[in-house]
């Protein structure tokens, strides 16, 4: 199922005044003055991530009623890779811990030499 981002860049419809739209946004989304300035700065802001199509359209309709112009962008969930290769291979393959056959310790971890020498003395 396709997911969507809902973007807003501060554009308003011709039917509304900028101050009216700002006050509508402030009341509906409970935003502070700083957040309102960020929303209407002209830069694209993601209002919501990972929305279903129904939820995205409902929220876009609410923004349209408030006097703003929003954009829906579909998210491509699957990356384009050859067959049999996934984006994150670590989850599928567990790391194998190498164990040194002679000592029985994992390689890369050095044991305390004093303990090893004491073990060798006790064995002989």
N, C-alpha and C. Protein backbone atom coordinates (compact mmCIF):
# COMPACT_ATOMS: atom_id res chain seq x y z
N UNK A 1 0.83 -1.17 0.00
CA UNK A 1 0.00 0.00 0.00
C UNK A 1 0.88 1.24 0.00
N UNK A 2 0.55 2.19 -0.82
CA UNK A 2 1.37 3.39 -0.98
C UNK A 2 1.14 4.34 0.20
N UNK A 3 2.22 4.85 0.72
CA UNK A 3 2.18 5.85 1.78
C UNK A 3 2.47 7.22 1.18
N UNK A 4 2.08 8.29 1.88
CA UNK A 4 2.23 9.64 1.36
C UNK A 4 2.82 10.56 2.42
N UNK A 5 3.55 11.60 1.93
CA UNK A 5 3.96 12.75 2.74
C UNK A 5 3.01 13.88 2.40
N UNK A 6 2.63 14.67 3.39
CA UNK A 6 1.81 15.85 3.17
C UNK A 6 2.69 17.07 3.37
N UNK A 7 2.87 17.87 2.30
CA UNK A 7 3.75 19.03 2.33
C UNK A 7 2.95 20.31 2.29
N UNK A 8 3.49 21.36 2.92
CA UNK A 8 2.89 22.68 2.88
C UNK A 8 4.02 23.68 2.76
N UNK A 9 3.85 24.66 1.84
CA UNK A 9 4.93 25.63 1.62
C UNK A 9 4.49 27.07 1.87
N UNK A 10 3.34 27.27 2.51
CA UNK A 10 2.91 28.62 2.82
C UNK A 10 2.01 29.24 1.77
N UNK A 11 1.68 28.51 0.75
CA UNK A 11 0.79 29.04 -0.29
C UNK A 11 -0.63 29.07 0.24
N UNK A 12 -1.38 30.10 -0.19
CA UNK A 12 -2.78 30.21 0.21
C UNK A 12 -3.63 30.32 -1.04
N UNK A 13 -4.92 30.02 -0.88
CA UNK A 13 -5.85 30.14 -2.00
C UNK A 13 -6.23 31.61 -2.17
N UNK A 14 -6.77 31.96 -3.33
CA UNK A 14 -7.12 33.34 -3.63
C UNK A 14 -8.31 33.84 -2.81
N UNK A 15 -9.08 32.93 -2.26
CA UNK A 15 -10.29 33.30 -1.54
C UNK A 15 -10.01 33.85 -0.15
N UNK A 16 -8.83 33.60 0.41
CA UNK A 16 -8.53 33.96 1.79
C UNK A 16 -7.42 35.00 1.86
N UNK A 17 -7.41 35.73 2.96
CA UNK A 17 -6.35 36.68 3.29
C UNK A 17 -5.27 35.94 4.07
N UNK A 18 -4.03 36.38 3.97
CA UNK A 18 -2.91 35.69 4.62
C UNK A 18 -3.08 35.67 6.14
N UNK A 19 -3.56 36.78 6.71
CA UNK A 19 -3.74 36.84 8.17
C UNK A 19 -4.85 35.90 8.63
N UNK A 20 -5.90 35.75 7.83
CA UNK A 20 -6.98 34.83 8.15
C UNK A 20 -6.48 33.39 8.12
N UNK A 21 -5.70 33.07 7.11
CA UNK A 21 -5.18 31.71 6.99
C UNK A 21 -4.23 31.40 8.15
N UNK A 22 -3.39 32.36 8.51
CA UNK A 22 -2.48 32.15 9.64
C UNK A 22 -3.24 31.91 10.94
N UNK A 23 -4.29 32.69 11.16
CA UNK A 23 -5.06 32.49 12.39
C UNK A 23 -5.82 31.16 12.35
N UNK A 24 -6.31 30.76 11.17
CA UNK A 24 -6.97 29.46 11.05
C UNK A 24 -6.01 28.32 11.37
N UNK A 25 -4.79 28.41 10.83
CA UNK A 25 -3.77 27.38 11.09
C UNK A 25 -3.41 27.35 12.57
N UNK A 26 -3.27 28.54 13.16
CA UNK A 26 -2.88 28.62 14.57
C UNK A 26 -3.93 27.97 15.45
N UNK A 27 -5.20 28.20 15.16
CA UNK A 27 -6.27 27.62 15.98
C UNK A 27 -6.43 26.13 15.72
N UNK A 28 -6.41 25.73 14.46
CA UNK A 28 -6.69 24.33 14.13
C UNK A 28 -5.57 23.39 14.55
N UNK A 29 -4.32 23.80 14.27
CA UNK A 29 -3.17 22.93 14.58
C UNK A 29 -2.50 23.27 15.91
N UNK A 30 -3.02 24.30 16.61
CA UNK A 30 -2.48 24.74 17.90
C UNK A 30 -0.98 25.03 17.80
N UNK A 31 -0.63 25.96 16.91
CA UNK A 31 0.76 26.32 16.65
C UNK A 31 1.11 27.62 17.36
N UNK A 32 2.40 27.78 17.68
CA UNK A 32 2.88 29.02 18.26
C UNK A 32 3.20 30.01 17.14
N UNK A 33 3.54 31.23 17.51
CA UNK A 33 3.87 32.26 16.51
C UNK A 33 5.12 31.87 15.71
N UNK A 34 6.08 31.27 16.39
CA UNK A 34 7.32 30.85 15.70
C UNK A 34 7.00 29.75 14.69
N UNK A 35 6.16 28.80 15.07
CA UNK A 35 5.79 27.72 14.16
C UNK A 35 4.99 28.25 12.97
N UNK A 36 4.13 29.23 13.21
CA UNK A 36 3.37 29.84 12.11
C UNK A 36 4.32 30.52 11.13
N UNK A 37 5.31 31.23 11.65
CA UNK A 37 6.29 31.89 10.77
C UNK A 37 7.06 30.87 9.96
N UNK A 38 7.38 29.73 10.57
CA UNK A 38 8.08 28.66 9.84
C UNK A 38 7.21 28.07 8.74
N UNK A 39 5.93 27.87 9.04
CA UNK A 39 5.02 27.27 8.06
C UNK A 39 4.80 28.19 6.86
N UNK A 40 4.81 29.50 7.09
CA UNK A 40 4.53 30.44 6.01
C UNK A 40 5.79 31.15 5.52
N UNK A 41 6.94 30.51 5.68
CA UNK A 41 8.21 31.11 5.24
C UNK A 41 8.48 30.90 3.76
N UNK A 42 7.75 30.01 3.11
CA UNK A 42 7.97 29.72 1.70
C UNK A 42 8.73 28.43 1.47
N UNK A 43 9.29 27.87 2.51
CA UNK A 43 9.99 26.59 2.40
C UNK A 43 8.99 25.46 2.58
N UNK A 44 9.23 24.35 1.90
CA UNK A 44 8.33 23.20 2.04
C UNK A 44 8.54 22.55 3.40
N UNK A 45 7.44 22.32 4.09
CA UNK A 45 7.47 21.67 5.40
C UNK A 45 6.62 20.42 5.30
N UNK A 46 7.13 19.33 5.84
CA UNK A 46 6.36 18.10 5.87
C UNK A 46 5.42 18.18 7.07
N UNK A 47 4.13 18.22 6.79
CA UNK A 47 3.14 18.29 7.86
C UNK A 47 2.99 16.92 8.52
N UNK A 48 2.88 15.87 7.73
CA UNK A 48 2.74 14.51 8.25
C UNK A 48 3.50 13.55 7.35
N UNK A 49 4.09 12.52 7.96
CA UNK A 49 4.80 11.45 7.25
C UNK A 49 3.96 10.18 7.25
N UNK A 50 4.22 9.33 6.29
CA UNK A 50 3.70 7.96 6.25
C UNK A 50 2.19 7.89 6.46
N UNK A 51 1.46 8.65 5.66
CA UNK A 51 0.01 8.63 5.72
C UNK A 51 -0.56 7.69 4.67
N UNK A 52 -1.66 7.05 5.00
CA UNK A 52 -2.36 6.28 3.98
C UNK A 52 -3.05 7.28 3.05
N UNK A 53 -3.51 6.80 1.92
CA UNK A 53 -4.11 7.69 0.94
C UNK A 53 -5.37 8.37 1.51
N UNK A 54 -6.18 7.63 2.23
CA UNK A 54 -7.41 8.19 2.80
C UNK A 54 -7.08 9.27 3.83
N UNK A 55 -6.14 8.98 4.73
CA UNK A 55 -5.77 9.95 5.76
C UNK A 55 -5.12 11.19 5.15
N UNK A 56 -4.30 10.98 4.14
CA UNK A 56 -3.63 12.10 3.48
C UNK A 56 -4.64 13.00 2.79
N UNK A 57 -5.61 12.43 2.12
CA UNK A 57 -6.62 13.23 1.44
C UNK A 57 -7.50 13.98 2.44
N UNK A 58 -7.84 13.36 3.55
CA UNK A 58 -8.64 14.03 4.58
C UNK A 58 -7.90 15.23 5.16
N UNK A 59 -6.60 15.06 5.46
CA UNK A 59 -5.82 16.15 6.01
C UNK A 59 -5.61 17.25 4.97
N UNK A 60 -5.41 16.88 3.72
CA UNK A 60 -5.26 17.87 2.66
C UNK A 60 -6.54 18.67 2.48
N UNK A 61 -7.68 18.02 2.62
CA UNK A 61 -8.97 18.71 2.53
C UNK A 61 -9.15 19.69 3.68
N UNK A 62 -8.70 19.31 4.88
CA UNK A 62 -8.77 20.22 6.02
C UNK A 62 -7.92 21.46 5.79
N UNK A 63 -6.72 21.27 5.23
CA UNK A 63 -5.84 22.40 4.95
C UNK A 63 -6.46 23.29 3.88
N UNK A 64 -7.09 22.70 2.89
CA UNK A 64 -7.77 23.48 1.85
C UNK A 64 -8.91 24.31 2.44
N UNK A 65 -9.65 23.74 3.38
CA UNK A 65 -10.74 24.48 4.03
C UNK A 65 -10.22 25.64 4.86
N UNK A 66 -9.00 25.49 5.41
CA UNK A 66 -8.40 26.56 6.20
C UNK A 66 -7.84 27.67 5.31
N UNK A 67 -7.70 27.40 4.00
CA UNK A 67 -7.20 28.40 3.07
C UNK A 67 -5.80 28.15 2.56
N UNK A 68 -5.21 27.04 2.90
CA UNK A 68 -3.86 26.72 2.45
C UNK A 68 -3.86 25.76 1.28
N UNK A 69 -2.72 25.68 0.61
CA UNK A 69 -2.54 24.76 -0.52
C UNK A 69 -1.49 23.74 -0.09
N UNK A 70 -1.86 22.47 -0.11
CA UNK A 70 -0.94 21.41 0.31
C UNK A 70 -0.67 20.47 -0.85
N UNK A 71 0.39 19.69 -0.71
CA UNK A 71 0.82 18.76 -1.75
C UNK A 71 0.99 17.37 -1.15
N UNK A 72 0.58 16.36 -1.90
CA UNK A 72 0.79 14.97 -1.50
C UNK A 72 1.88 14.37 -2.37
N UNK A 73 2.84 13.74 -1.73
CA UNK A 73 3.93 13.09 -2.46
C UNK A 73 3.96 11.62 -2.05
N UNK A 74 3.84 10.71 -3.02
CA UNK A 74 3.89 9.28 -2.67
C UNK A 74 5.30 8.87 -2.25
N UNK A 75 5.36 7.96 -1.30
CA UNK A 75 6.64 7.42 -0.82
C UNK A 75 6.86 6.09 -1.49
N UNK A 76 8.03 5.90 -2.04
CA UNK A 76 8.36 4.60 -2.62
C UNK A 76 8.96 3.74 -1.52
N UNK A 77 8.22 2.75 -1.07
CA UNK A 77 8.66 1.91 0.04
C UNK A 77 9.76 0.94 -0.36
N UNK A 78 9.73 0.47 -1.59
CA UNK A 78 10.70 -0.53 -2.01
C UNK A 78 11.76 0.12 -2.89
N UNK A 79 13.00 -0.09 -2.54
CA UNK A 79 14.06 0.42 -3.38
C UNK A 79 14.27 -0.52 -4.56
N UNK A 80 14.79 0.02 -5.63
CA UNK A 80 14.99 -0.77 -6.84
C UNK A 80 16.35 -1.44 -6.76
N UNK A 81 16.33 -2.73 -6.47
CA UNK A 81 17.55 -3.52 -6.36
C UNK A 81 17.35 -4.81 -7.13
N UNK A 82 18.44 -5.46 -7.55
CA UNK A 82 18.30 -6.74 -8.23
C UNK A 82 17.60 -7.78 -7.34
N UNK A 83 17.08 -8.80 -7.97
CA UNK A 83 16.36 -9.85 -7.24
C UNK A 83 17.27 -10.52 -6.23
N UNK A 84 16.74 -10.78 -5.06
CA UNK A 84 17.49 -11.48 -4.03
C UNK A 84 18.31 -10.58 -3.12
N UNK A 85 18.40 -9.29 -3.42
CA UNK A 85 19.18 -8.37 -2.61
C UNK A 85 18.21 -7.40 -1.94
N UNK A 86 18.36 -7.25 -0.64
CA UNK A 86 17.51 -6.29 0.07
C UNK A 86 18.34 -5.11 0.52
N UNK A 87 17.67 -4.07 0.95
CA UNK A 87 18.37 -2.85 1.33
C UNK A 87 19.17 -3.03 2.61
N UNK A 88 18.68 -3.83 3.54
CA UNK A 88 19.38 -4.03 4.80
C UNK A 88 19.67 -5.52 4.97
N UNK A 89 20.89 -5.89 4.70
CA UNK A 89 21.26 -7.31 4.75
C UNK A 89 21.56 -7.78 6.16
N UNK A 90 21.89 -6.88 7.08
CA UNK A 90 22.27 -7.30 8.42
C UNK A 90 21.14 -7.99 9.15
N UNK A 91 19.92 -7.57 8.91
CA UNK A 91 18.80 -8.18 9.61
C UNK A 91 18.59 -9.62 9.18
N UNK A 92 18.92 -9.92 7.94
CA UNK A 92 18.69 -11.26 7.43
C UNK A 92 19.83 -12.22 7.80
N UNK A 93 21.02 -11.71 7.87
CA UNK A 93 22.16 -12.58 8.16
C UNK A 93 22.72 -12.23 9.53
N UNK A 94 22.82 -13.21 10.38
CA UNK A 94 23.39 -12.98 11.69
C UNK A 94 24.90 -12.96 11.57
N UNK A 95 25.51 -12.15 12.38
CA UNK A 95 26.96 -12.13 12.39
C UNK A 95 27.48 -13.41 13.02
N UNK A 96 28.48 -13.96 12.42
CA UNK A 96 29.08 -15.16 12.97
C UNK A 96 30.28 -14.77 13.81
N UNK A 97 30.33 -15.28 15.01
CA UNK A 97 31.45 -14.99 15.90
C UNK A 97 32.50 -16.06 15.68
N UNK A 98 33.69 -15.61 15.36
CA UNK A 98 34.77 -16.55 15.12
C UNK A 98 35.40 -16.94 16.45
N UNK A 99 35.57 -18.24 16.64
CA UNK A 99 36.18 -18.75 17.86
C UNK A 99 37.48 -19.43 17.49
N UNK A 100 38.52 -19.05 18.18
CA UNK A 100 39.82 -19.66 17.95
C UNK A 100 39.78 -21.09 18.48
N UNK A 101 40.13 -22.05 17.63
CA UNK A 101 40.03 -23.47 18.00
C UNK A 101 41.01 -23.85 19.10
N UNK A 102 42.16 -23.21 19.11
CA UNK A 102 43.18 -23.59 20.09
C UNK A 102 42.83 -23.15 21.50
N UNK A 103 42.33 -21.91 21.66
CA UNK A 103 42.10 -21.39 23.00
C UNK A 103 40.64 -21.44 23.42
N UNK A 104 39.73 -21.48 22.46
CA UNK A 104 38.31 -21.48 22.79
C UNK A 104 37.76 -20.08 23.03
N UNK A 105 38.61 -19.07 22.83
CA UNK A 105 38.17 -17.69 23.01
C UNK A 105 37.77 -17.08 21.67
N UNK A 106 36.90 -16.09 21.75
CA UNK A 106 36.54 -15.37 20.53
C UNK A 106 37.72 -14.55 20.05
N UNK A 107 37.92 -14.55 18.75
CA UNK A 107 39.02 -13.75 18.21
C UNK A 107 38.64 -12.28 18.31
N UNK A 108 39.64 -11.46 18.48
CA UNK A 108 39.40 -10.04 18.61
C UNK A 108 39.27 -9.61 20.05
N UNK A 109 39.05 -10.55 20.96
CA UNK A 109 38.97 -10.23 22.38
C UNK A 109 40.16 -10.90 23.04
N UNK A 110 41.01 -10.10 23.62
CA UNK A 110 42.21 -10.63 24.26
C UNK A 110 41.94 -10.85 25.74
N UNK A 111 42.17 -12.05 26.18
CA UNK A 111 42.00 -12.37 27.59
C UNK A 111 43.20 -11.86 28.36
N UNK A 112 43.01 -11.77 29.64
CA UNK A 112 44.09 -11.33 30.52
C UNK A 112 45.19 -12.39 30.51
N UNK A 113 46.41 -11.99 30.24
CA UNK A 113 47.52 -12.94 30.12
C UNK A 113 47.84 -13.62 31.44
N UNK A 114 47.59 -12.91 32.53
CA UNK A 114 47.89 -13.52 33.83
C UNK A 114 46.98 -14.71 34.09
N UNK A 115 45.73 -14.62 33.65
CA UNK A 115 44.80 -15.72 33.85
C UNK A 115 45.20 -16.89 32.96
N UNK A 116 45.59 -16.61 31.73
CA UNK A 116 46.00 -17.68 30.81
C UNK A 116 47.25 -18.38 31.31
N UNK A 117 48.21 -17.62 31.81
CA UNK A 117 49.43 -18.26 32.29
C UNK A 117 49.15 -19.08 33.55
N UNK A 118 48.23 -18.63 34.41
CA UNK A 118 47.88 -19.40 35.61
C UNK A 118 47.17 -20.69 35.21
N UNK A 119 46.31 -20.64 34.18
CA UNK A 119 45.64 -21.85 33.71
C UNK A 119 46.65 -22.84 33.15
N UNK A 120 47.64 -22.35 32.43
CA UNK A 120 48.64 -23.24 31.86
C UNK A 120 49.50 -23.89 32.95
N UNK A 121 49.79 -23.11 33.99
CA UNK A 121 50.59 -23.67 35.08
C UNK A 121 49.82 -24.77 35.81
N UNK A 122 48.52 -24.58 35.94
CA UNK A 122 47.71 -25.59 36.65
C UNK A 122 47.56 -26.85 35.84
N UNK A 123 47.59 -26.75 34.52
CA UNK A 123 47.42 -27.93 33.65
C UNK A 123 48.67 -28.79 33.64
N UNK A 124 49.82 -28.21 33.84
CA UNK A 124 51.05 -28.98 33.79
C UNK A 124 51.53 -29.45 35.11
